[in-house]
N, C-alpha and C. Protein backbone atom coordinates (compact mmCIF):
# COMPACT_ATOMS: atom_id res chain seq x y z
N UNK A 1 17.93 -15.77 -12.17
CA UNK A 1 16.71 -14.62 -12.04
C UNK A 1 17.43 -12.98 -11.03
N UNK A 2 18.00 -13.27 -10.45
CA UNK A 2 18.85 -11.48 -9.76
C UNK A 2 18.65 -10.64 -11.35
N UNK A 3 18.87 -10.91 -12.74
CA UNK A 3 19.50 -10.44 -13.51
C UNK A 3 18.09 -9.87 -13.99
N UNK A 4 16.96 -10.94 -14.28
CA UNK A 4 15.54 -10.29 -14.59
C UNK A 4 14.73 -9.05 -12.98
N UNK A 5 15.98 -9.34 -11.97
CA UNK A 5 15.55 -8.28 -11.45
C UNK A 5 15.39 -7.20 -11.47
N UNK A 6 17.41 -7.02 -11.86
CA UNK A 6 17.72 -6.20 -11.89
C UNK A 6 16.74 -5.12 -12.34
N UNK A 7 16.36 -4.28 -13.45
CA UNK A 7 15.64 -3.43 -13.80
C UNK A 7 15.44 -2.50 -12.88
N UNK A 8 14.22 -4.23 -12.02
CA UNK A 8 13.49 -2.90 -11.39
C UNK A 8 14.20 -2.48 -9.46
N UNK A 9 14.90 -3.56 -9.41
CA UNK A 9 16.28 -2.60 -8.66
C UNK A 9 16.94 -2.12 -8.23
N UNK A 10 17.53 -1.61 -9.63
CA UNK A 10 18.54 -0.59 -9.78
C UNK A 10 17.45 0.61 -8.96
N UNK A 11 16.37 0.75 -10.08
CA UNK A 11 15.73 2.73 -10.06
C UNK A 11 14.86 2.90 -8.35
N UNK A 12 14.33 0.71 -7.74
CA UNK A 12 14.09 1.06 -6.34
C UNK A 12 15.23 1.49 -5.18
N UNK A 13 16.64 0.96 -5.29
CA UNK A 13 17.96 1.60 -4.66
C UNK A 13 18.63 3.00 -4.70
N UNK A 14 17.88 2.93 -5.62
CA UNK A 14 18.50 4.81 -6.35
C UNK A 14 17.98 5.53 -5.56
N UNK A 15 16.41 5.63 -5.93
CA UNK A 15 15.07 5.72 -4.65
C UNK A 15 15.15 5.58 -3.33
N UNK A 16 15.30 4.63 -3.18
CA UNK A 16 15.89 4.50 -1.36
C UNK A 16 16.76 5.19 -1.45
N UNK A 17 17.75 5.24 -1.97
CA UNK A 17 19.26 5.81 -1.05
C UNK A 17 18.49 7.11 -1.56
N UNK A 18 18.54 7.79 -2.00
CA UNK A 18 17.78 9.49 -2.36
C UNK A 18 16.61 9.82 -0.99
N UNK A 19 15.99 8.66 -1.17
CA UNK A 19 15.41 8.81 -0.45
C UNK A 19 15.31 9.49 1.45
N UNK A 20 16.70 8.31 1.58
CA UNK A 20 16.67 7.92 3.04
C UNK A 20 18.62 9.32 3.61
N UNK A 21 18.61 10.34 2.66
CA UNK A 21 19.77 10.88 2.52
C UNK A 21 19.10 11.76 3.62
N UNK A 22 17.98 12.19 3.51
CA UNK A 22 17.78 14.07 4.38
C UNK A 22 17.68 12.25 5.70
N UNK A 23 17.23 11.61 5.91
CA UNK A 23 16.92 11.00 7.48
C UNK A 23 17.80 11.58 8.25
N UNK A 24 18.98 10.71 7.28
CA UNK A 24 20.74 10.87 8.22
C UNK A 24 20.98 12.57 8.26
N UNK A 25 21.01 13.53 7.19
CA UNK A 25 21.60 14.66 7.12
C UNK A 25 20.81 15.34 8.28
N UNK A 26 19.25 15.01 8.63
CA UNK A 26 18.43 15.39 9.52
C UNK A 26 17.74 16.72 8.26
N UNK A 27 18.09 16.70 7.51
CA UNK A 27 17.33 18.33 6.69
C UNK A 27 15.33 17.33 6.22
N UNK A 28 15.43 15.96 6.48
CA UNK A 28 14.36 15.81 6.76
C UNK A 28 12.83 16.19 6.58
N UNK A 29 12.69 16.79 8.40
CA UNK A 29 12.27 18.08 8.73
C UNK A 29 11.24 19.18 7.80
N UNK A 30 12.67 20.12 7.59
CA UNK A 30 12.06 21.20 6.21
C UNK A 30 11.95 21.21 4.67
N UNK A 31 11.70 19.71 4.88
CA UNK A 31 12.58 19.75 3.70
C UNK A 31 10.67 18.90 2.88
N UNK A 32 9.69 19.75 2.30
CA UNK A 32 8.22 19.60 1.80
C UNK A 32 8.65 18.61 0.70
N UNK A 33 10.19 18.36 -0.27
CA UNK A 33 9.85 17.52 -1.04
C UNK A 33 10.59 16.13 -0.83
N UNK A 34 10.99 15.99 0.27
CA UNK A 34 10.96 14.55 1.39
C UNK A 34 9.54 14.14 1.85
N UNK A 35 8.75 15.16 2.16
CA UNK A 35 7.06 14.67 2.56
C UNK A 35 6.25 13.98 1.39
N UNK A 36 6.22 14.69 0.14
CA UNK A 36 5.75 14.24 -1.51
C UNK A 36 5.82 13.17 -1.56
N UNK A 37 7.48 13.18 -1.69
CA UNK A 37 8.03 11.44 -1.82
C UNK A 37 7.56 9.97 -1.13
N UNK A 38 7.80 11.04 0.41
CA UNK A 38 6.80 10.16 1.31
C UNK A 38 6.00 10.18 0.83
N UNK A 39 4.95 10.50 0.73
CA UNK A 39 3.61 10.62 -0.19
C UNK A 39 3.09 9.61 -0.86
N UNK A 40 4.00 9.77 -2.34
CA UNK A 40 3.91 8.56 -3.30
C UNK A 40 4.54 7.40 -2.84
N UNK A 41 5.75 7.22 -1.81
CA UNK A 41 5.94 5.70 -1.64
C UNK A 41 4.60 5.13 -0.89
N UNK A 42 4.09 5.92 -0.12
CA UNK A 42 3.17 5.25 0.39
C UNK A 42 1.90 4.39 -0.18
N UNK A 43 1.74 5.60 -0.76
CA UNK A 43 0.49 5.28 -2.30
C UNK A 43 1.32 3.94 -3.15
N UNK A 44 2.43 4.20 -3.73
CA UNK A 44 2.69 3.14 -4.51
C UNK A 44 2.85 1.66 -3.84
N UNK A 45 3.17 1.36 -1.64
CA UNK A 45 2.99 0.63 -1.03
C UNK A 45 1.59 0.73 -0.91
N UNK A 46 0.89 1.29 -1.24
CA UNK A 46 -0.79 1.23 -0.64
C UNK A 46 -1.14 -0.24 -2.45
N UNK A 47 -0.79 0.27 -3.86
CA UNK A 47 -0.86 -0.27 -3.99
C UNK A 47 -0.59 -1.51 -4.78
N UNK A 48 0.91 -2.07 -4.08
CA UNK A 48 1.50 -2.66 -4.13
C UNK A 48 0.52 -4.05 -3.10
N UNK A 49 -0.11 -3.48 -1.97
CA UNK A 49 -0.33 -4.09 -0.77
C UNK A 49 -2.08 -4.55 -1.60
N UNK A 50 -2.84 -3.48 -2.04
CA UNK A 50 -4.25 -3.81 -2.69
C UNK A 50 -4.70 -5.09 -3.36
N UNK A 51 -2.49 -4.75 -4.44
CA UNK A 51 -2.33 -6.20 -5.24
C UNK A 51 -2.64 -7.48 -5.03
N UNK A 52 -1.09 -7.81 -3.30
CA UNK A 52 -1.38 -8.78 -3.16
C UNK A 52 -2.98 -9.19 -2.53
N UNK A 53 -3.66 -8.47 -1.79
CA UNK A 53 -4.28 -8.76 -1.56
C UNK A 53 -5.87 -9.51 -2.35
N UNK A 54 -5.76 -8.45 -3.47
CA UNK A 54 -6.91 -8.91 -4.45
C UNK A 54 -6.53 -10.47 -5.25
N UNK A 55 -5.00 -10.86 -4.78
CA UNK A 55 -4.40 -11.92 -5.78
C UNK A 55 -4.17 -13.18 -5.04
N UNK A 56 -5.04 -12.51 -3.58
CA UNK A 56 -4.34 -13.80 -2.35
C UNK A 56 -5.42 -15.06 -2.72
N UNK A 57 -4.97 -15.96 -3.04
CA UNK A 57 -5.73 -16.78 -3.55
C UNK A 57 -6.20 -17.48 -4.90
N UNK A 58 -4.87 -16.69 -5.77
CA UNK A 58 -5.58 -16.46 -6.90
C UNK A 58 -5.72 -17.50 -8.50
N UNK A 59 -6.90 -18.19 -8.32
CA UNK A 59 -6.74 -19.13 -8.95
C UNK A 59 -8.37 -18.63 -9.84
N UNK A 60 -8.54 -19.34 -10.59
CA UNK A 60 -9.73 -19.60 -12.08
C UNK A 60 -10.58 -20.33 -10.91
N UNK A 61 -9.90 -21.25 -10.29
CA UNK A 61 -10.87 -21.60 -9.39
C UNK A 61 -10.99 -21.18 -7.84
N UNK A 62 -12.00 -21.18 -7.11
CA UNK A 62 -11.44 -20.21 -5.88
C UNK A 62 -11.80 -22.26 -5.26
N UNK A 63 -13.22 -22.74 -5.50
CA UNK A 63 -12.62 -24.36 -4.55
C UNK A 63 -11.68 -25.03 -4.56
N UNK A 64 -10.18 -24.32 -6.01
CA UNK A 64 -9.22 -25.27 -5.99
C UNK A 64 -7.99 -24.25 -4.81
N UNK A 65 -8.30 -22.81 -4.85
CA UNK A 65 -8.04 -22.42 -3.22
C UNK A 65 -7.97 -22.62 -2.52
N UNK A 66 -8.43 -22.77 -2.39
CA UNK A 66 -9.39 -23.25 -0.54
C UNK A 66 -9.20 -24.44 -0.56
N UNK A 67 -8.94 -25.40 -1.57
CA UNK A 67 -8.43 -26.79 -1.19
C UNK A 67 -6.51 -26.95 -0.89
N UNK A 68 -6.28 -25.70 -1.71
CA UNK A 68 -4.53 -25.56 -1.61
C UNK A 68 -4.46 -25.48 0.39
N UNK A 69 -5.57 -24.14 -0.08
CA UNK A 69 -4.84 -23.63 1.25
C UNK A 69 -5.51 -24.80 2.83
N UNK A 70 -5.94 -25.66 2.35
CA UNK A 70 -6.20 -26.66 3.14
C UNK A 70 -7.81 -25.95 3.84
N UNK A 71 -8.65 -25.90 3.03
CA UNK A 71 -9.87 -25.31 4.14
C UNK A 71 -11.33 -26.03 3.41
N UNK A 72 -12.18 -26.26 4.00
CA UNK A 72 -13.33 -26.66 2.69
C UNK A 72 -14.02 -25.44 1.72
N UNK A 73 -14.65 -25.95 0.83
CA UNK A 73 -14.62 -24.70 0.23
C UNK A 73 -16.86 -25.21 0.23
N UNK A 74 -17.91 -23.34 0.25
CA UNK A 74 -18.98 -23.77 1.27
C UNK A 74 -19.25 -22.85 0.01
N UNK A 75 -19.60 -23.74 -1.15
CA UNK A 75 -20.20 -23.00 -2.52
C UNK A 75 -21.83 -21.95 -1.75
N UNK A 76 -22.54 -22.92 -0.81
CA UNK A 76 -23.88 -21.94 -0.80
C UNK A 76 -24.06 -20.88 0.31
N UNK A 77 -21.97 -20.62 0.97
CA UNK A 77 -22.07 -19.73 1.33
C UNK A 77 -21.28 -18.48 0.94
N UNK A 78 -20.65 -18.68 -0.42
CA UNK A 78 -20.28 -18.27 -1.11
C UNK A 78 -21.35 -17.65 -2.14
N UNK A 79 -22.10 -18.58 -2.79
CA UNK A 79 -23.41 -17.91 -3.74
C UNK A 79 -24.50 -16.80 -2.77
N UNK A 80 -24.40 -17.03 -1.02
CA UNK A 80 -25.15 -15.67 -0.54
C UNK A 80 -24.25 -14.65 -0.64
N UNK A 81 -23.41 -14.67 -0.59
CA UNK A 81 -22.50 -13.52 -0.33
C UNK A 81 -21.67 -13.20 -1.30
N UNK A 82 -22.71 -12.95 -2.24
CA UNK A 82 -21.54 -12.66 -3.71
C UNK A 82 -21.03 -11.60 -3.80
N UNK A 83 -21.77 -10.66 -3.04
CA UNK A 83 -21.49 -8.59 -2.95
C UNK A 83 -20.52 -8.75 -1.75
N UNK A 84 -19.60 -9.50 -1.03
CA UNK A 84 -19.19 -9.53 0.35
C UNK A 84 -18.09 -10.25 -0.84
N UNK A 85 -17.05 -10.74 -2.22
CA UNK A 85 -15.88 -11.11 -2.34
C UNK A 85 -15.96 -10.27 -3.74
N UNK A 86 -16.80 -9.79 -4.10
CA UNK A 86 -16.61 -8.47 -5.34
C UNK A 86 -16.29 -7.00 -4.61
N UNK A 87 -16.63 -6.47 -3.64
CA UNK A 87 -16.18 -5.33 -2.77
C UNK A 87 -15.09 -4.90 -3.82
N UNK A 88 -14.71 -3.63 -3.64
CA UNK A 88 -13.31 -2.88 -3.95
C UNK A 88 -12.87 -2.80 -2.39
N UNK A 89 -13.18 -2.31 -1.44
CA UNK A 89 -12.74 -2.17 -0.38
C UNK A 89 -13.50 -2.71 0.91
N UNK A 90 -13.71 -3.15 1.85
CA UNK A 90 -12.56 -3.94 2.16
C UNK A 90 -12.57 -5.42 1.59
N UNK A 91 -11.34 -6.41 1.00
CA UNK A 91 -10.84 -7.38 0.14
C UNK A 91 -11.36 -8.05 1.01
N UNK A 92 -11.98 -9.39 0.44
CA UNK A 92 -12.96 -10.55 1.34
C UNK A 92 -12.11 -11.50 -0.08
N UNK A 93 -12.08 -12.51 0.14
CA UNK A 93 -12.26 -14.08 -0.35
C UNK A 93 -12.33 -15.66 0.39
N UNK A 94 -13.38 -14.94 0.88
CA UNK A 94 -13.78 -16.92 1.70
C UNK A 94 -13.92 -17.88 1.35
N UNK A 95 -13.73 -18.45 1.52
CA UNK A 95 -13.92 -20.22 1.11
C UNK A 95 -15.01 -20.46 1.88
N UNK A 96 -15.21 -20.47 3.80
CA UNK A 96 -16.82 -20.32 4.49
C UNK A 96 -16.52 -19.16 5.15
N UNK A 97 -17.54 -19.84 5.90
CA UNK A 97 -17.95 -18.83 7.32
C UNK A 97 -16.74 -18.15 7.78
N UNK A 98 -15.78 -19.61 7.94
CA UNK A 98 -14.78 -19.09 9.19
C UNK A 98 -13.35 -19.15 8.49
N UNK A 99 -13.11 -18.76 6.51
CA UNK A 99 -11.81 -18.70 6.86
C UNK A 99 -11.81 -17.69 5.49
N UNK A 100 -10.67 -16.98 5.14
CA UNK A 100 -10.97 -15.64 4.47
C UNK A 100 -8.95 -16.00 3.62
N UNK A 101 -9.02 -15.71 2.25
CA UNK A 101 -7.83 -16.40 1.86
C UNK A 101 -7.36 -14.96 1.24
N UNK A 102 -8.05 -14.16 1.19
CA UNK A 102 -6.79 -12.71 1.85
C UNK A 102 -6.44 -13.07 3.17
N UNK A 103 -5.17 -11.68 3.79
CA UNK A 103 -4.34 -11.62 4.75
C UNK A 103 -4.89 -10.85 5.83
N UNK A 104 -5.01 -11.22 7.27
CA UNK A 104 -5.90 -10.59 8.18
C UNK A 104 -4.72 -8.52 7.34
N UNK A 105 -3.17 -8.71 7.60
CA UNK A 105 -3.14 -7.61 7.72
C UNK A 105 -3.27 -6.29 6.31
N UNK A 106 -3.93 -7.63 4.99
CA UNK A 106 -4.19 -5.50 4.24
C UNK A 106 -4.93 -5.15 4.61
N UNK A 107 -6.54 -5.82 4.49
CA UNK A 107 -7.63 -4.15 4.96
C UNK A 107 -7.02 -2.94 6.56
N UNK A 108 -6.54 -3.61 7.33
CA UNK A 108 -6.11 -2.71 8.09
C UNK A 108 -5.06 -1.83 7.01
N UNK A 109 -3.74 -2.42 6.86
CA UNK A 109 -2.83 -1.34 5.75
C UNK A 109 -3.16 -0.94 4.78
N UNK A 110 -4.78 -1.06 3.79
CA UNK A 110 -5.20 -0.44 3.11
C UNK A 110 -5.72 0.69 3.59
N UNK A 111 -6.23 0.68 4.68
CA UNK A 111 -6.72 1.53 5.19
C UNK A 111 -5.43 2.76 6.20
N UNK A 112 -4.69 2.45 6.45
CA UNK A 112 -2.93 3.58 7.23
C UNK A 112 -2.86 3.79 5.99
N UNK A 113 -2.12 3.33 4.42
CA UNK A 113 -1.44 3.73 4.40
C UNK A 113 -2.04 5.44 3.37
N UNK A 114 -3.14 5.50 3.33
CA UNK A 114 -3.47 6.38 2.06
C UNK A 114 -3.48 7.81 3.38
N UNK A 115 -4.22 7.05 4.75
CA UNK A 115 -3.78 8.24 5.90
C UNK A 115 -2.76 8.87 6.05
N UNK A 116 -1.67 7.99 6.02
CA UNK A 116 -0.55 8.50 6.16
C UNK A 116 0.10 9.08 4.95
N UNK A 117 -0.29 8.73 4.21
CA UNK A 117 -0.02 9.35 2.58
C UNK A 117 -0.65 11.08 2.37
N UNK A 118 -1.75 11.11 3.02
CA UNK A 118 -2.49 12.04 3.28
C UNK A 118 -2.21 13.05 4.27
N UNK A 119 -1.31 12.79 5.11
CA UNK A 119 -0.59 13.32 6.28
C UNK A 119 -0.10 13.69 5.61
N UNK A 120 1.27 13.64 5.53
CA UNK A 120 2.90 13.96 4.24
C UNK A 120 1.97 14.74 3.40
N UNK A 121 1.46 14.81 2.74
CA UNK A 121 0.92 15.69 2.13
C UNK A 121 0.62 16.96 2.59
N UNK A 122 -0.17 16.52 3.26
CA UNK A 122 -0.31 17.56 3.75
C UNK A 122 0.41 19.13 4.85
N UNK A 123 1.76 18.21 5.38
CA UNK A 123 2.56 18.98 6.13
C UNK A 123 3.54 19.20 4.61
N UNK A 124 3.91 19.01 4.05
CA UNK A 124 4.74 19.05 2.68
C UNK A 124 4.09 20.75 2.31
N UNK A 125 2.90 20.74 2.58
CA UNK A 125 1.97 21.97 1.83
C UNK A 125 2.09 22.69 3.16
N UNK A 126 1.36 22.71 4.80
CA UNK A 126 2.57 23.54 5.46
C UNK A 126 3.81 23.97 5.38
N UNK A 127 4.85 22.95 5.20
CA UNK A 127 6.12 23.78 4.76
C UNK A 127 6.03 24.67 3.99
N UNK A 128 5.34 24.34 3.04
CA UNK A 128 5.25 25.22 1.81
C UNK A 128 5.35 26.33 1.64
N UNK A 129 3.95 26.64 2.60
CA UNK A 129 3.59 27.65 3.09
C UNK A 129 3.99 28.38 3.67
N UNK A 130 4.60 27.70 4.95
CA UNK A 130 5.56 28.09 5.93
C UNK A 130 6.81 29.48 5.02
N UNK A 131 7.51 28.53 4.13
CA UNK A 131 8.91 28.52 4.03
C UNK A 131 8.83 29.86 2.96
N UNK A 132 7.35 29.80 1.76
CA UNK A 132 6.72 31.06 1.16
C UNK A 132 6.81 32.42 1.67
N UNK A 133 6.11 32.32 3.52
CA UNK A 133 5.94 33.15 4.53
C UNK A 133 7.06 33.89 4.86
N UNK A 134 8.53 32.73 5.47
CA UNK A 134 9.12 33.58 6.07
C UNK A 134 10.28 33.90 4.14
N UNK A 135 10.37 33.59 3.04
CA UNK A 135 10.92 34.33 2.12
C UNK A 135 10.13 35.93 2.11
N UNK A 136 8.95 35.59 1.77
CA UNK A 136 8.64 37.11 1.42
C UNK A 136 8.86 38.04 2.88
N UNK A 137 8.79 38.14 4.54
CA UNK A 137 9.13 38.11 5.33
C UNK A 137 10.87 38.93 4.97
N UNK A 138 11.48 38.13 5.18
CA UNK A 138 12.66 38.23 4.38
C UNK A 138 13.25 39.36 2.84
N UNK A 139 12.48 39.72 2.58
CA UNK A 139 12.13 40.43 1.48
C UNK A 139 12.04 41.72 1.18
């Protein structure tokens, strides 16, 4: 099993190593590149979170997925609220009015991670502009 994960784990660990080096040396505060990479990692985490949420209770038969979760399946509720579980955001896959197969942490995470990515990119642009202005003043 570990051998199958090596093509994924090795680049991931290498990327984590190179991303964390500025954290330990203290140069991350002045590095626009670090903030750009952080934004990319946050967007990748957003994609993984969306995949986890959209595949929650993944089954061709939603009734079977609800029964596996130990909940009753309400076909009338699902047909009355068809738009609710076919939207892109927020993610829902409800068995009945009181139980959702999508974990509760998915939708808030899908809101916070892209916002943090935008903040990282904005700060990277700010750092790049400040660095460029200071380089022009120095020459």
